[in-house]
Amino acid sequence: MSAVTAASTATVGALRRRVAARLAAGFKADGRDGTPDLDARAIVGHAIGCRASEVVLRDTAAIEPCVEAEAFVMAAARIAGVPVARLVGEKEFWSLPLRLSADTLVPRPDTETLVEAVLAAIDVGGRRKEPLTILDLGTGSGAILLALLAELPAAAGIGVDIAEGAVRTARDNAGRLGLDARAGFVVGDWATAIGQRFDLVVANPPYVRSAEIDALPVEVRDHDPYLSLDGGQDGLTGYRWIVDSLDGLLAPNGAAFVEVGLGQARSIVAMGRQNKYTAFIHCDLAKVERVIQLQRATSNFDLEIDREPDTVRSP
């Protein structure tokens, strides 16, 4: 009989605490920061078949030895660097449960800043119920597009990704969330196959410098798709394509919103200015310049254009 089975935990709560302790010890031994309590909830929830938020409500429930064994196998993988979202196969974004695949990034909370920025611009004109059109470049799991469609009941959009597996995953997520009637997904190299204009263009392009990928945390470096990370020599390759293509992608009164990496905001603002776009910077909760909003001065989005460009906005 294995040590795990012999020391079988009787309840969900006891298992959750043991898994958290195992994770904390593993992270400390490896010199890594971590969130052992949160990770333990997700792991135990997956093992017993419920959401992480529901685990504590089942603390007194009895469990079988096989459940405990599965939880500790997952804990060992987590200590080895596999992200929790990869272990359980999904990640919550904008309160939406999104399935993942090998071809998709794990959606980051920072990216919700982009969704917030889009909705704030739309709300200035009271346009949430209008039939807006959205293009999501590098859609991955579909996180950004699906979050926006969940908030905009009359909107429709297209998500584009170069990875066929990502497109399948995004399409599956749209179906499970009941948004597939308003969301289409296509395989493509950015928007080279797109022949229409959109009210909104959104993107979270690869922005890591090629030479810096090996220095990323193991959870990212070894488990996120390389194509979703590599932004070229200076990290800005994708942005150049997007900004240079906006004239053919945006409707006359449209706006674009792109997520940027640390220290990249001013470079994207400069690109926008060179292409005659007004640019605004949106900060995330940590006050990091996270999202750039680009639009013509005549845009219907966020009409407070009398201010100086490069306004820094915090949530």
C-alpha atoms as a PDB file:
ATOM      1  CA  MET A   1       0.000   0.000   0.000  1.00  0.00           C
ATOM      2  CA  SER A   2       1.388   3.434  -0.915  1.00  0.00           C
ATOM      3  CA  ALA A   3       2.234   6.039   1.687  1.00  0.00           C
ATOM      4  CA  VAL A   4      -0.458   8.308   0.318  1.00  0.00           C
ATOM      5  CA  THR A   5      -3.136   5.649   0.620  1.00  0.00           C
ATOM      6  CA  ALA A   6      -1.969   4.516   4.038  1.00  0.00           C
ATOM      7  CA  ALA A   7      -2.200   8.048   5.376  1.00  0.00           C
ATOM      8  CA  SER A   8      -5.574   8.601   3.745  1.00  0.00           C
ATOM      9  CA  THR A   9      -7.258  11.902   4.591  1.00  0.00           C
ATOM     10  CA  ALA A  10     -10.825  11.584   5.802  1.00  0.00           C
ATOM     11  CA  THR A  11     -12.323  14.885   4.651  1.00  0.00           C
ATOM     12  CA  VAL A  12     -12.051  17.469   1.919  1.00  0.00           C
ATOM     13  CA  GLY A  13     -10.891  20.109   4.404  1.00  0.00           C
ATOM     14  CA  ALA A  14      -8.106  17.951   5.763  1.00  0.00           C
ATOM     15  CA  LEU A  15      -6.946  17.107   2.247  1.00  0.00           C
ATOM     16  CA  ARG A  16      -7.008  20.757   1.231  1.00  0.00           C
ATOM     17  CA  ARG A  17      -4.800  21.692   4.185  1.00  0.00           C
ATOM     18  CA  ARG A  18      -2.353  18.867   3.536  1.00  0.00           C
ATOM     19  CA  VAL A  19      -2.056  19.730  -0.143  1.00  0.00           C
ATOM     20  CA  ALA A  20      -1.480  23.399   0.741  1.00  0.00           C
ATOM     21  CA  ALA A  21       1.257  22.414   3.195  1.00  0.00           C
ATOM     22  CA  ARG A  22       2.892  20.170   0.594  1.00  0.00           C
ATOM     23  CA  LEU A  23       2.814  22.992  -1.957  1.00  0.00           C
ATOM     24  CA  ALA A  24       4.184  25.571   0.469  1.00  0.00           C
ATOM     25  CA  ALA A  25       7.097  23.307   1.367  1.00  0.00           C
ATOM     26  CA  GLY A  26       7.796  22.562  -2.291  1.00  0.00           C
ATOM     27  CA  PHE A  27       7.747  26.221  -3.311  1.00  0.00           C
ATOM     28  CA  LYS A  28      10.037  27.166  -0.433  1.00  0.00           C
ATOM     29  CA  ALA A  29      12.512  24.414  -1.250  1.00  0.00           C
ATOM     30  CA  ASP A  30      12.652  25.630  -4.843  1.00  0.00           C
ATOM     31  CA  GLY A  31      13.025  29.269  -3.878  1.00  0.00           C
ATOM     32  CA  ARG A  32       9.795  30.253  -5.634  1.00  0.00           C
ATOM     33  CA  ASP A  33       6.918  32.417  -4.574  1.00  0.00           C
ATOM     34  CA  GLY A  34       3.517  30.827  -4.815  1.00  0.00           C
ATOM     35  CA  THR A  35      -0.072  30.763  -3.624  1.00  0.00           C
ATOM     36  CA  PRO A  36      -0.315  27.356  -1.942  1.00  0.00           C
ATOM     37  CA  ASP A  37      -3.731  27.900  -0.385  1.00  0.00           C
ATOM     38  CA  LEU A  38      -5.346  29.036  -3.631  1.00  0.00           C
ATOM     39  CA  ASP A  39      -3.597  26.318  -5.616  1.00  0.00           C
ATOM     40  CA  ALA A  40      -4.738  23.683  -3.111  1.00  0.00           C
ATOM     41  CA  ARG A  41      -8.363  24.742  -3.515  1.00  0.00           C
ATOM     42  CA  ALA A  42      -8.130  24.435  -7.294  1.00  0.00           C
ATOM     43  CA  ILE A  43      -6.392  21.056  -7.131  1.00  0.00           C
ATOM     44  CA  VAL A  44      -8.759  19.551  -4.571  1.00  0.00           C
ATOM     45  CA  GLY A  45     -11.752  21.024  -6.365  1.00  0.00           C
ATOM     46  CA  HIS A  46     -10.671  19.363  -9.588  1.00  0.00           C
ATOM     47  CA  ALA A  47     -10.107  16.051  -7.789  1.00  0.00           C
ATOM     48  CA  ILE A  48     -13.580  16.044  -6.218  1.00  0.00           C
ATOM     49  CA  GLY A  49     -15.347  17.572  -9.245  1.00  0.00           C
ATOM     50  CA  CYS A  50     -16.297  21.066  -8.135  1.00  0.00           C
ATOM     51  CA  ARG A  51     -15.120  24.635  -8.637  1.00  0.00           C
ATOM     52  CA  ALA A  52     -12.318  25.973  -6.454  1.00  0.00           C
ATOM     53  CA  SER A  53     -14.686  28.507  -4.886  1.00  0.00           C
ATOM     54  CA  GLU A  54     -16.932  25.687  -3.681  1.00  0.00           C
ATOM     55  CA  VAL A  55     -14.252  23.577  -2.009  1.00  0.00           C
ATOM     56  CA  VAL A  56     -14.473  25.170   1.435  1.00  0.00           C
ATOM     57  CA  LEU A  57     -18.226  24.550   1.414  1.00  0.00           C
ATOM     58  CA  ARG A  58     -17.465  20.814   1.227  1.00  0.00           C
ATOM     59  CA  ASP A  59     -14.761  20.725   3.897  1.00  0.00           C
ATOM     60  CA  THR A  60     -16.573  18.144   6.027  1.00  0.00           C
ATOM     61  CA  ALA A  61     -17.348  15.768   3.141  1.00  0.00           C
ATOM     62  CA  ALA A  62     -15.602  12.401   3.160  1.00  0.00           C
ATOM     63  CA  ILE A  63     -13.304  11.445   0.312  1.00  0.00           C
ATOM     64  CA  GLU A  64     -12.000   8.238  -1.204  1.00  0.00           C
ATOM     65  CA  PRO A  65      -8.284   7.322  -1.219  1.00  0.00           C
ATOM     66  CA  CYS A  66      -8.178   7.623  -5.011  1.00  0.00           C
ATOM     67  CA  VAL A  67      -9.198  11.287  -4.730  1.00  0.00           C
ATOM     68  CA  GLU A  68      -6.378  11.945  -2.319  1.00  0.00           C
ATOM     69  CA  ALA A  69      -3.904  10.172  -4.577  1.00  0.00           C
ATOM     70  CA  GLU A  70      -4.988  12.270  -7.571  1.00  0.00           C
ATOM     71  CA  ALA A  71      -4.660  15.486  -5.564  1.00  0.00           C
ATOM     72  CA  PHE A  72      -1.109  14.695  -4.486  1.00  0.00           C
ATOM     73  CA  VAL A  73      -0.077  13.739  -8.017  1.00  0.00           C
ATOM     74  CA  MET A  74      -1.340  17.132  -9.177  1.00  0.00           C
ATOM     75  CA  ALA A  75       0.450  18.835  -6.275  1.00  0.00           C
ATOM     76  CA  ALA A  76       3.731  17.229  -7.333  1.00  0.00           C
ATOM     77  CA  ALA A  77       3.229  18.526 -10.875  1.00  0.00           C
ATOM     78  CA  ARG A  78       2.459  21.988  -9.530  1.00  0.00           C
ATOM     79  CA  ILE A  79       5.651  21.995  -7.486  1.00  0.00           C
ATOM     80  CA  ALA A  80       7.525  21.007 -10.650  1.00  0.00           C
ATOM     81  CA  GLY A  81       6.239  24.172 -12.329  1.00  0.00           C
ATOM     82  CA  VAL A  82       3.032  23.186 -14.112  1.00  0.00           C
ATOM     83  CA  PRO A  83       0.519  26.046 -13.683  1.00  0.00           C
ATOM     84  CA  VAL A  84      -2.654  25.190 -11.816  1.00  0.00           C
ATOM     85  CA  ALA A  85      -4.722  26.239 -14.820  1.00  0.00           C
ATOM     86  CA  ARG A  86      -2.896  23.663 -16.955  1.00  0.00           C
ATOM     87  CA  LEU A  87      -3.509  20.987 -14.338  1.00  0.00           C
ATOM     88  CA  VAL A  88      -7.245  21.590 -14.131  1.00  0.00           C
ATOM     89  CA  GLY A  89      -7.618  22.493 -17.816  1.00  0.00           C
ATOM     90  CA  GLU A  90      -9.321  25.853 -17.403  1.00  0.00           C
ATOM     91  CA  LYS A  91      -8.896  29.380 -16.089  1.00  0.00           C
ATOM     92  CA  GLU A  92     -11.468  31.920 -14.988  1.00  0.00           C
ATOM     93  CA  PHE A  93     -11.307  35.253 -16.811  1.00  0.00           C
ATOM     94  CA  TRP A  94     -13.834  38.027 -16.309  1.00  0.00           C
ATOM     95  CA  SER A  95     -15.818  35.468 -14.277  1.00  0.00           C
ATOM     96  CA  LEU A  96     -15.984  33.189 -17.343  1.00  0.00           C
ATOM     97  CA  PRO A  97     -14.587  29.635 -17.079  1.00  0.00           C
ATOM     98  CA  LEU A  98     -12.357  29.182 -20.119  1.00  0.00           C
ATOM     99  CA  ARG A  99     -10.869  25.889 -21.232  1.00  0.00           C
ATOM    100  CA  LEU A 100      -7.221  25.858 -22.225  1.00  0.00           C
ATOM    101  CA  SER A 101      -5.066  23.900 -24.632  1.00  0.00           C
ATOM    102  CA  ALA A 102      -1.382  23.628 -25.484  1.00  0.00           C
ATOM    103  CA  ASP A 103      -1.871  26.374 -28.094  1.00  0.00           C
ATOM    104  CA  THR A 104      -3.327  28.969 -25.714  1.00  0.00           C
ATOM    105  CA  LEU A 105      -1.865  31.237 -23.089  1.00  0.00           C
ATOM    106  CA  VAL A 106      -3.240  31.046 -19.585  1.00  0.00           C
ATOM    107  CA  PRO A 107      -5.353  34.241 -19.407  1.00  0.00           C
ATOM    108  CA  ARG A 108      -3.832  36.745 -16.963  1.00  0.00           C
ATOM    109  CA  PRO A 109      -5.763  38.996 -14.579  1.00  0.00           C
ATOM    110  CA  ASP A 110      -3.801  41.951 -16.014  1.00  0.00           C
ATOM    111  CA  THR A 111      -5.582  41.433 -19.333  1.00  0.00           C
ATOM    112  CA  GLU A 112      -8.893  42.289 -17.683  1.00  0.00           C
ATOM    113  CA  THR A 113      -7.598  45.878 -17.758  1.00  0.00           C
ATOM    114  CA  LEU A 114      -8.116  45.788 -21.533  1.00  0.00           C
ATOM    115  CA  VAL A 115     -11.729  44.667 -21.144  1.00  0.00           C
ATOM    116  CA  GLU A 116     -12.307  47.403 -18.568  1.00  0.00           C
ATOM    117  CA  ALA A 117     -10.783  50.024 -20.873  1.00  0.00           C
ATOM    118  CA  VAL A 118     -13.000  49.010 -23.804  1.00  0.00           C
ATOM    119  CA  LEU A 119     -16.152  49.053 -21.699  1.00  0.00           C
ATOM    120  CA  ALA A 120     -15.257  52.428 -20.183  1.00  0.00           C
ATOM    121  CA  ALA A 121     -14.847  53.927 -23.667  1.00  0.00           C
ATOM    122  CA  ILE A 122     -18.146  52.437 -24.800  1.00  0.00           C
ATOM    123  CA  ASP A 123     -19.951  53.697 -21.712  1.00  0.00           C
ATOM    124  CA  VAL A 124     -18.947  57.314 -22.406  1.00  0.00           C
ATOM    125  CA  GLY A 125     -21.328  57.244 -25.368  1.00  0.00           C
ATOM    126  CA  GLY A 126     -23.842  54.882 -23.789  1.00  0.00           C
ATOM    127  CA  ARG A 127     -23.221  52.327 -26.549  1.00  0.00           C
ATOM    128  CA  ARG A 128     -23.407  48.973 -24.736  1.00  0.00           C
ATOM    129  CA  LYS A 129     -26.583  47.928 -26.546  1.00  0.00           C
ATOM    130  CA  GLU A 130     -25.412  48.882 -30.035  1.00  0.00           C
ATOM    131  CA  PRO A 131     -24.525  46.172 -32.606  1.00  0.00           C
ATOM    132  CA  LEU A 132     -20.796  46.826 -32.390  1.00  0.00           C
ATOM    133  CA  THR A 133     -18.327  44.672 -34.304  1.00  0.00           C
ATOM    134  CA  ILE A 134     -15.127  43.413 -32.696  1.00  0.00           C
ATOM    135  CA  LEU A 135     -11.909  41.929 -34.063  1.00  0.00           C
ATOM    136  CA  ASP A 136      -9.694  40.058 -31.584  1.00  0.00           C
ATOM    137  CA  LEU A 137      -6.177  39.516 -32.950  1.00  0.00           C
ATOM    138  CA  GLY A 138      -4.278  36.591 -31.441  1.00  0.00           C
ATOM    139  CA  THR A 139      -7.417  35.406 -29.703  1.00  0.00           C
ATOM    140  CA  GLY A 140      -5.930  32.352 -27.934  1.00  0.00           C
ATOM    141  CA  SER A 141      -8.637  30.929 -25.672  1.00  0.00           C
ATOM    142  CA  GLY A 142     -10.998  33.684 -26.841  1.00  0.00           C
ATOM    143  CA  ALA A 143     -10.780  35.392 -23.448  1.00  0.00           C
ATOM    144  CA  ILE A 144     -10.950  39.038 -24.529  1.00  0.00           C
ATOM    145  CA  LEU A 145     -13.586  38.636 -27.237  1.00  0.00           C
ATOM    146  CA  LEU A 146     -15.835  36.424 -25.126  1.00  0.00           C
ATOM    147  CA  ALA A 147     -15.582  38.732 -22.115  1.00  0.00           C
ATOM    148  CA  LEU A 148     -16.656  41.665 -24.278  1.00  0.00           C
ATOM    149  CA  LEU A 149     -19.508  39.756 -25.896  1.00  0.00           C
ATOM    150  CA  ALA A 150     -20.738  38.744 -22.441  1.00  0.00           C
ATOM    151  CA  GLU A 151     -21.029  42.462 -21.594  1.00  0.00           C
ATOM    152  CA  LEU A 152     -22.310  43.707 -24.953  1.00  0.00           C
ATOM    153  CA  PRO A 153     -25.551  41.889 -25.803  1.00  0.00           C
ATOM    154  CA  ALA A 154     -25.865  43.164 -29.390  1.00  0.00           C
ATOM    155  CA  ALA A 155     -22.192  42.939 -30.360  1.00  0.00           C
ATOM    156  CA  ALA A 156     -20.585  40.304 -32.583  1.00  0.00           C
ATOM    157  CA  GLY A 157     -16.963  39.530 -33.249  1.00  0.00           C
ATOM    158  CA  ILE A 158     -14.245  37.507 -34.916  1.00  0.00           C
ATOM    159  CA  GLY A 159     -11.217  36.038 -33.198  1.00  0.00           C
ATOM    160  CA  VAL A 160      -8.096  35.279 -35.232  1.00  0.00           C
ATOM    161  CA  ASP A 161      -5.157  33.113 -34.228  1.00  0.00           C
ATOM    162  CA  ILE A 162      -2.280  31.575 -36.145  1.00  0.00           C
ATOM    163  CA  ALA A 163      -2.621  28.316 -34.165  1.00  0.00           C
ATOM    164  CA  GLU A 164      -5.382  25.981 -35.293  1.00  0.00           C
ATOM    165  CA  GLY A 165      -5.537  24.449 -31.813  1.00  0.00           C
ATOM    166  CA  ALA A 166      -6.182  27.854 -30.272  1.00  0.00           C
ATOM    167  CA  VAL A 167      -9.037  28.500 -32.698  1.00  0.00           C
ATOM    168  CA  ARG A 168     -10.618  25.153 -31.798  1.00  0.00           C
ATOM    169  CA  THR A 169     -10.303  25.966 -28.101  1.00  0.00           C
ATOM    170  CA  ALA A 170     -11.794  29.449 -28.486  1.00  0.00           C
ATOM    171  CA  ARG A 171     -14.678  28.069 -30.545  1.00  0.00           C
ATOM    172  CA  ASP A 172     -15.348  25.459 -27.872  1.00  0.00           C
ATOM    173  CA  ASN A 173     -15.327  28.127 -25.164  1.00  0.00           C
ATOM    174  CA  ALA A 174     -17.799  30.239 -27.112  1.00  0.00           C
ATOM    175  CA  GLY A 175     -20.140  27.265 -27.453  1.00  0.00           C
ATOM    176  CA  ARG A 176     -19.972  26.339 -23.785  1.00  0.00           C
ATOM    177  CA  LEU A 177     -20.689  29.941 -22.787  1.00  0.00           C
ATOM    178  CA  GLY A 178     -23.617  30.279 -25.197  1.00  0.00           C
ATOM    179  CA  LEU A 179     -21.849  32.990 -27.207  1.00  0.00           C
ATOM    180  CA  ASP A 180     -21.162  31.029 -30.391  1.00  0.00           C
ATOM    181  CA  ALA A 181     -23.990  32.715 -32.318  1.00  0.00           C
ATOM    182  CA  ARG A 182     -22.123  36.022 -32.037  1.00  0.00           C
ATOM    183  CA  ALA A 183     -18.514  34.816 -32.138  1.00  0.00           C
ATOM    184  CA  GLY A 184     -16.596  33.436 -35.095  1.00  0.00           C
ATOM    185  CA  PHE A 185     -13.016  32.189 -35.061  1.00  0.00           C
ATOM    186  CA  VAL A 186     -10.604  31.768 -37.934  1.00  0.00           C
ATOM    187  CA  VAL A 187      -7.015  30.622 -38.414  1.00  0.00           C
ATOM    188  CA  GLY A 188      -4.866  33.391 -39.814  1.00  0.00           C
ATOM    189  CA  ASP A 189      -1.616  35.344 -39.607  1.00  0.00           C
ATOM    190  CA  TRP A 190      -2.918  38.397 -37.781  1.00  0.00           C
ATOM    191  CA  ALA A 191      -5.682  39.856 -39.975  1.00  0.00           C
ATOM    192  CA  THR A 192      -4.265  39.118 -43.416  1.00  0.00           C
ATOM    193  CA  ALA A 193      -7.372  37.100 -44.279  1.00  0.00           C
ATOM    194  CA  ILE A 194      -9.850  39.639 -42.893  1.00  0.00           C
ATOM    195  CA  GLY A 195     -11.591  41.853 -45.431  1.00  0.00           C
ATOM    196  CA  GLN A 196     -13.879  44.003 -43.302  1.00  0.00           C
ATOM    197  CA  ARG A 197     -13.688  46.875 -40.829  1.00  0.00           C
ATOM    198  CA  PHE A 198     -14.611  46.806 -37.160  1.00  0.00           C
ATOM    199  CA  ASP A 199     -15.782  49.209 -34.484  1.00  0.00           C
ATOM    200  CA  LEU A 200     -13.271  47.703 -32.073  1.00  0.00           C
ATOM    201  CA  VAL A 201      -9.933  46.005 -32.610  1.00  0.00           C
ATOM    202  CA  VAL A 202      -8.450  44.348 -29.519  1.00  0.00           C
ATOM    203  CA  ALA A 203      -5.226  42.423 -29.066  1.00  0.00           C
ATOM    204  CA  ASN A 204      -2.822  41.002 -26.528  1.00  0.00           C
ATOM    205  CA  PRO A 205       0.093  40.283 -28.883  1.00  0.00           C
ATOM    206  CA  PRO A 206       3.355  38.544 -27.941  1.00  0.00           C
ATOM    207  CA  TYR A 207       5.546  41.153 -26.248  1.00  0.00           C
ATOM    208  CA  VAL A 208       8.480  39.336 -24.665  1.00  0.00           C
ATOM    209  CA  ARG A 209      11.876  40.022 -26.222  1.00  0.00           C
ATOM    210  CA  SER A 210      13.205  36.831 -27.797  1.00  0.00           C
ATOM    211  CA  ALA A 211      16.381  36.890 -25.711  1.00  0.00           C
ATOM    212  CA  GLU A 212      14.389  37.159 -22.468  1.00  0.00           C
ATOM    213  CA  ILE A 213      12.117  34.142 -22.880  1.00  0.00           C
ATOM    214  CA  ASP A 214      14.552  31.736 -21.204  1.00  0.00           C
ATOM    215  CA  ALA A 215      14.528  33.929 -18.102  1.00  0.00           C
ATOM    216  CA  LEU A 216      10.741  33.805 -17.662  1.00  0.00           C
ATOM    217  CA  PRO A 217       9.227  31.871 -14.735  1.00  0.00           C
ATOM    218  CA  VAL A 218       9.044  28.137 -15.392  1.00  0.00           C
ATOM    219  CA  GLU A 219       5.232  28.277 -15.429  1.00  0.00           C
ATOM    220  CA  VAL A 220       5.379  30.572 -18.458  1.00  0.00           C
ATOM    221  CA  ARG A 221       8.604  29.530 -20.181  1.00  0.00           C
ATOM    222  CA  ASP A 222       7.874  25.809 -20.224  1.00  0.00           C
ATOM    223  CA  HIS A 223       4.090  25.769 -20.478  1.00  0.00           C
ATOM    224  CA  ASP A 224       2.817  28.738 -22.510  1.00  0.00           C
ATOM    225  CA  PRO A 225       3.120  28.436 -26.315  1.00  0.00           C
ATOM    226  CA  TYR A 226       6.297  30.027 -27.629  1.00  0.00           C
ATOM    227  CA  LEU A 227       4.480  31.834 -30.431  1.00  0.00           C
ATOM    228  CA  SER A 228       2.305  33.590 -27.865  1.00  0.00           C
ATOM    229  CA  LEU A 229       5.357  34.897 -26.014  1.00  0.00           C
ATOM    230  CA  ASP A 230       7.959  35.824 -28.626  1.00  0.00           C
ATOM    231  CA  GLY A 231       7.631  39.471 -29.609  1.00  0.00           C
ATOM    232  CA  GLY A 232      10.841  39.555 -31.613  1.00  0.00           C
ATOM    233  CA  GLN A 233      14.157  41.222 -30.876  1.00  0.00           C
ATOM    234  CA  ASP A 234      12.609  44.238 -29.132  1.00  0.00           C
ATOM    235  CA  GLY A 235       9.252  42.720 -28.197  1.00  0.00           C
ATOM    236  CA  LEU A 236       7.368  45.051 -30.521  1.00  0.00           C
ATOM    237  CA  THR A 237       7.016  43.051 -33.762  1.00  0.00           C
ATOM    238  CA  GLY A 238       3.300  42.378 -33.348  1.00  0.00           C
ATOM    239  CA  TYR A 239       2.512  45.958 -32.431  1.00  0.00           C
ATOM    240  CA  ARG A 240       4.128  47.278 -35.590  1.00  0.00           C
ATOM    241  CA  TRP A 241       1.912  45.056 -37.720  1.00  0.00           C
ATOM    242  CA  ILE A 242      -1.227  45.961 -35.788  1.00  0.00           C
ATOM    243  CA  VAL A 243      -0.678  49.714 -35.762  1.00  0.00           C
ATOM    244  CA  ASP A 244       0.331  49.800 -39.421  1.00  0.00           C
ATOM    245  CA  SER A 245      -2.811  47.811 -40.326  1.00  0.00           C
ATOM    246  CA  LEU A 246      -5.392  49.803 -38.355  1.00  0.00           C
ATOM    247  CA  ASP A 247      -6.415  52.022 -41.257  1.00  0.00           C
ATOM    248  CA  GLY A 248      -7.718  48.953 -43.057  1.00  0.00           C
ATOM    249  CA  LEU A 249      -9.235  47.306 -40.004  1.00  0.00           C
ATOM    250  CA  LEU A 250     -11.021  50.065 -38.103  1.00  0.00           C
ATOM    251  CA  ALA A 251     -14.365  51.511 -39.073  1.00  0.00           C
ATOM    252  CA  PRO A 252     -14.210  55.306 -39.531  1.00  0.00           C
ATOM    253  CA  ASN A 253     -15.213  55.931 -35.917  1.00  0.00           C
ATOM    254  CA  GLY A 254     -13.558  52.879 -34.402  1.00  0.00           C
ATOM    255  CA  ALA A 255     -10.900  52.388 -31.726  1.00  0.00           C
ATOM    256  CA  ALA A 256      -8.172  49.862 -30.989  1.00  0.00           C
ATOM    257  CA  PHE A 257      -7.035  48.581 -27.604  1.00  0.00           C
ATOM    258  CA  VAL A 258      -3.789  46.653 -27.148  1.00  0.00           C
ATOM    259  CA  GLU A 259      -2.208  45.201 -24.036  1.00  0.00           C
ATOM    260  CA  VAL A 260       1.482  46.011 -23.598  1.00  0.00           C
ATOM    261  CA  GLY A 261       4.356  44.707 -21.526  1.00  0.00           C
ATOM    262  CA  LEU A 262       6.200  46.558 -18.787  1.00  0.00           C
ATOM    263  CA  GLY A 263       7.935  49.646 -20.152  1.00  0.00           C
ATOM    264  CA  GLN A 264       6.496  49.338 -23.674  1.00  0.00           C
ATOM    265  CA  ALA A 265       3.599  51.803 -23.491  1.00  0.00           C
ATOM    266  CA  ARG A 266       5.446  54.867 -24.732  1.00  0.00           C
ATOM    267  CA  SER A 267       6.810  53.013 -27.746  1.00  0.00           C
ATOM    268  CA  ILE A 268       3.290  52.029 -28.800  1.00  0.00           C
ATOM    269  CA  VAL A 269       2.063  55.579 -28.247  1.00  0.00           C
ATOM    270  CA  ALA A 270       4.841  56.800 -30.551  1.00  0.00           C
ATOM    271  CA  MET A 271       3.827  54.257 -33.203  1.00  0.00           C
ATOM    272  CA  GLY A 272       0.258  55.465 -32.985  1.00  0.00           C
ATOM    273  CA  ARG A 273       1.240  59.104 -33.340  1.00  0.00           C
ATOM    274  CA  GLN A 274       3.321  58.321 -36.419  1.00  0.00           C
ATOM    275  CA  ASN A 275       0.145  56.858 -37.940  1.00  0.00           C
ATOM    276  CA  LYS A 276      -1.953  59.897 -36.937  1.00  0.00           C
ATOM    277  CA  TYR A 277      -3.719  58.181 -34.020  1.00  0.00           C
ATOM    278  CA  THR A 278      -4.522  59.749 -30.694  1.00  0.00           C
ATOM    279  CA  ALA A 279      -3.311  57.503 -27.881  1.00  0.00           C
ATOM    280  CA  PHE A 280      -4.376  57.038 -24.280  1.00  0.00           C
ATOM    281  CA  ILE A 281      -2.693  54.854 -21.694  1.00  0.00           C
ATOM    282  CA  HIS A 282      -4.730  52.793 -19.225  1.00  0.00           C
ATOM    283  CA  CYS A 283      -3.061  51.545 -16.043  1.00  0.00           C
ATOM    284  CA  ASP A 284      -3.821  48.300 -14.259  1.00  0.00           C
ATOM    285  CA  LEU A 285      -4.523  47.981 -10.538  1.00  0.00           C
ATOM    286  CA  ALA A 286      -0.783  48.045  -9.793  1.00  0.00           C
ATOM    287  CA  LYS A 287      -0.525  51.393 -11.647  1.00  0.00           C
ATOM    288  CA  VAL A 288       1.445  49.727 -14.453  1.00  0.00           C
ATOM    289  CA  GLU A 289       0.849  51.178 -17.934  1.00  0.00           C
ATOM    290  CA  ARG A 290      -0.964  48.154 -19.360  1.00  0.00           C
ATOM    291  CA  VAL A 291      -3.283  49.087 -22.257  1.00  0.00           C
ATOM    292  CA  ILE A 292      -3.011  51.558 -25.129  1.00  0.00           C
ATOM    293  CA  GLN A 293      -6.172  52.983 -26.714  1.00  0.00           C
ATOM    294  CA  LEU A 294      -5.696  54.231 -30.285  1.00  0.00           C
ATOM    295  CA  GLN A 295      -8.263  56.164 -32.280  1.00  0.00           C
ATOM    296  CA  ARG A 296      -8.750  58.926 -34.776  1.00  0.00           C
ATOM    297  CA  ALA A 297      -9.747  62.294 -33.357  1.00  0.00           C
ATOM    298  CA  THR A 298     -13.219  61.799 -34.857  1.00  0.00           C
ATOM    299  CA  SER A 299     -13.848  58.487 -33.060  1.00  0.00           C
ATOM    300  CA  ASN A 300     -17.169  57.876 -31.331  1.00  0.00           C
ATOM    301  CA  PHE A 301     -15.363  56.115 -28.513  1.00  0.00           C
ATOM    302  CA  ASP A 302     -14.555  58.225 -25.484  1.00  0.00           C
ATOM    303  CA  LEU A 303     -15.167  61.619 -26.993  1.00  0.00           C
ATOM    304  CA  GLU A 304     -13.116  63.580 -24.452  1.00  0.00           C
ATOM    305  CA  ILE A 305     -10.519  64.307 -27.143  1.00  0.00           C
ATOM    306  CA  ASP A 306      -9.839  67.846 -25.958  1.00  0.00           C
ATOM    307  CA  ARG A 307      -7.339  66.515 -23.432  1.00  0.00           C
ATOM    308  CA  GLU A 308      -3.676  66.036 -24.175  1.00  0.00           C
ATOM    309  CA  PRO A 309      -2.770  62.661 -25.719  1.00  0.00           C
ATOM    310  CA  ASP A 310      -1.014  60.066 -23.581  1.00  0.00           C
ATOM    311  CA  THR A 311      -3.394  60.606 -20.679  1.00  0.00           C
ATOM    312  CA  VAL A 312      -2.707  58.008 -18.022  1.00  0.00           C
ATOM    313  CA  ARG A 313      -5.889  56.512 -16.646  1.00  0.00           C
ATOM    314  CA  SER A 314      -6.135  54.339 -13.587  1.00  0.00           C
ATOM    315  CA  PRO A 315      -9.119  52.158 -12.738  1.00  0.00           C
END
